[in-house]
Amino acid sequence: MGIPSRLYFSRLLGIHASGAFVETHGPLGTLWVGLGLGCFYIALIWLNTLLGFFLTPLFIIPATWLQDRLSSGRRRTAPEA
């Protein structure tokens, strides 16, 4: 018993598919996917911007404390002129 003529076999995927070789969803599907990807990338940029604003002080403030402590130690050990 052979494969009916309306079924096509994909050697790469090992599956049978009926219909055309290329499945399309039309212009509405393309617009829908474009809208979804646009929203995704806007959210990604927004999130990365917020991470920069909120995480930067977590590293800058302790670094200034460390610099103040190191500079005050140098002032104490410096010879008086």
C-alpha atoms as a PDB file:
ATOM      1  CA  MET A   1       0.000   0.000   0.000  1.00  0.00           C
ATOM      2  CA  GLY A   2       1.609   3.284  -1.120  1.00  0.00           C
ATOM      3  CA  ILE A   3       1.423   6.825   0.142  1.00  0.00           C
ATOM      4  CA  PRO A   4      -1.543   8.752  -1.298  1.00  0.00           C
ATOM      5  CA  SER A   5      -0.588  11.430  -3.805  1.00  0.00           C
ATOM      6  CA  ARG A   6      -1.839  14.250  -1.545  1.00  0.00           C
ATOM      7  CA  LEU A   7       0.611  13.334   1.235  1.00  0.00           C
ATOM      8  CA  TYR A   8       4.224  14.448   0.984  1.00  0.00           C
ATOM      9  CA  PHE A   9       7.117  12.936   2.907  1.00  0.00           C
ATOM     10  CA  SER A  10       9.829  15.083   4.462  1.00  0.00           C
ATOM     11  CA  ARG A  11      13.122  13.212   4.559  1.00  0.00           C
ATOM     12  CA  LEU A  12      14.682  15.701   6.982  1.00  0.00           C
ATOM     13  CA  LEU A  13      11.895  15.642   9.553  1.00  0.00           C
ATOM     14  CA  GLY A  14      10.611  12.123   8.916  1.00  0.00           C
ATOM     15  CA  ILE A  15       6.963  13.216   8.918  1.00  0.00           C
ATOM     16  CA  HIS A  16       4.077  13.139   6.522  1.00  0.00           C
ATOM     17  CA  ALA A  17       2.351  16.416   5.705  1.00  0.00           C
ATOM     18  CA  SER A  18      -0.757  16.953   3.695  1.00  0.00           C
ATOM     19  CA  GLY A  19      -1.360  19.985   1.512  1.00  0.00           C
ATOM     20  CA  ALA A  20       1.181  22.368   0.081  1.00  0.00           C
ATOM     21  CA  PHE A  21       4.886  22.321   0.787  1.00  0.00           C
ATOM     22  CA  VAL A  22       4.808  25.816   2.320  1.00  0.00           C
ATOM     23  CA  GLU A  23       2.202  26.672   4.911  1.00  0.00           C
ATOM     24  CA  THR A  24       1.231  30.342   5.059  1.00  0.00           C
ATOM     25  CA  HIS A  25      -1.004  32.220   7.431  1.00  0.00           C
ATOM     26  CA  GLY A  26      -1.559  35.250   5.256  1.00  0.00           C
ATOM     27  CA  PRO A  27      -0.970  38.925   5.898  1.00  0.00           C
ATOM     28  CA  LEU A  28      -2.954  38.964   9.137  1.00  0.00           C
ATOM     29  CA  GLY A  29      -0.676  36.343  10.663  1.00  0.00           C
ATOM     30  CA  THR A  30       2.385  38.305   9.569  1.00  0.00           C
ATOM     31  CA  LEU A  31       1.016  41.488  11.151  1.00  0.00           C
ATOM     32  CA  TRP A  32       0.097  39.606  14.336  1.00  0.00           C
ATOM     33  CA  VAL A  33       3.598  38.158  14.688  1.00  0.00           C
ATOM     34  CA  GLY A  34       5.143  41.556  13.895  1.00  0.00           C
ATOM     35  CA  LEU A  35       3.037  43.201  16.586  1.00  0.00           C
ATOM     36  CA  GLY A  36       4.012  40.543  19.112  1.00  0.00           C
ATOM     37  CA  LEU A  37       7.717  40.828  18.323  1.00  0.00           C
ATOM     38  CA  GLY A  38       7.527  44.621  18.476  1.00  0.00           C
ATOM     39  CA  CYS A  39       5.944  44.487  21.937  1.00  0.00           C
ATOM     40  CA  PHE A  40       8.519  41.938  23.058  1.00  0.00           C
ATOM     41  CA  TYR A  41      11.461  44.109  22.022  1.00  0.00           C
ATOM     42  CA  ILE A  42       9.925  47.246  23.560  1.00  0.00           C
ATOM     43  CA  ALA A  43       9.521  45.361  26.845  1.00  0.00           C
ATOM     44  CA  LEU A  44      13.092  44.067  26.594  1.00  0.00           C
ATOM     45  CA  ILE A  45      14.512  47.564  26.097  1.00  0.00           C
ATOM     46  CA  TRP A  46      12.367  48.897  28.953  1.00  0.00           C
ATOM     47  CA  LEU A  47      13.521  46.133  31.292  1.00  0.00           C
ATOM     48  CA  ASN A  48      17.193  46.620  30.436  1.00  0.00           C
ATOM     49  CA  THR A  49      16.844  50.364  31.026  1.00  0.00           C
ATOM     50  CA  LEU A  50      15.242  49.813  34.430  1.00  0.00           C
ATOM     51  CA  LEU A  51      17.909  47.301  35.401  1.00  0.00           C
ATOM     52  CA  GLY A  52      20.555  49.900  34.598  1.00  0.00           C
ATOM     53  CA  PHE A  53      18.831  52.557  36.701  1.00  0.00           C
ATOM     54  CA  PHE A  54      18.271  50.294  39.711  1.00  0.00           C
ATOM     55  CA  LEU A  55      21.412  48.167  39.692  1.00  0.00           C
ATOM     56  CA  THR A  56      23.947  50.923  39.083  1.00  0.00           C
ATOM     57  CA  PRO A  57      23.533  52.497  42.563  1.00  0.00           C
ATOM     58  CA  LEU A  58      23.993  49.077  44.153  1.00  0.00           C
ATOM     59  CA  PHE A  59      27.547  49.058  42.818  1.00  0.00           C
ATOM     60  CA  ILE A  60      28.361  52.801  42.821  1.00  0.00           C
ATOM     61  CA  ILE A  61      27.419  53.538  46.450  1.00  0.00           C
ATOM     62  CA  PRO A  62      29.570  50.780  48.047  1.00  0.00           C
ATOM     63  CA  ALA A  63      32.425  51.753  45.703  1.00  0.00           C
ATOM     64  CA  THR A  64      32.298  55.346  47.010  1.00  0.00           C
ATOM     65  CA  TRP A  65      32.322  54.033  50.609  1.00  0.00           C
ATOM     66  CA  LEU A  66      35.422  52.014  49.781  1.00  0.00           C
ATOM     67  CA  GLN A  67      37.117  55.002  48.135  1.00  0.00           C
ATOM     68  CA  ASP A  68      36.318  57.219  51.136  1.00  0.00           C
ATOM     69  CA  ARG A  69      37.764  54.639  53.512  1.00  0.00           C
ATOM     70  CA  LEU A  70      40.935  54.225  51.452  1.00  0.00           C
ATOM     71  CA  SER A  71      41.452  57.970  51.066  1.00  0.00           C
ATOM     72  CA  SER A  72      40.939  58.613  54.809  1.00  0.00           C
ATOM     73  CA  GLY A  73      43.554  55.952  55.584  1.00  0.00           C
ATOM     74  CA  ARG A  74      46.044  57.665  53.272  1.00  0.00           C
ATOM     75  CA  ARG A  75      45.407  61.016  54.912  1.00  0.00           C
ATOM     76  CA  ARG A  76      46.155  59.619  58.374  1.00  0.00           C
ATOM     77  CA  THR A  77      49.421  57.932  57.354  1.00  0.00           C
ATOM     78  CA  ALA A  78      50.680  60.831  55.234  1.00  0.00           C
ATOM     79  CA  PRO A  79      53.646  62.667  56.765  1.00  0.00           C
ATOM     80  CA  GLU A  80      52.928  66.135  58.026  1.00  0.00           C
ATOM     81  CA  ALA A  81      54.711  68.939  56.242  1.00  0.00           C
END
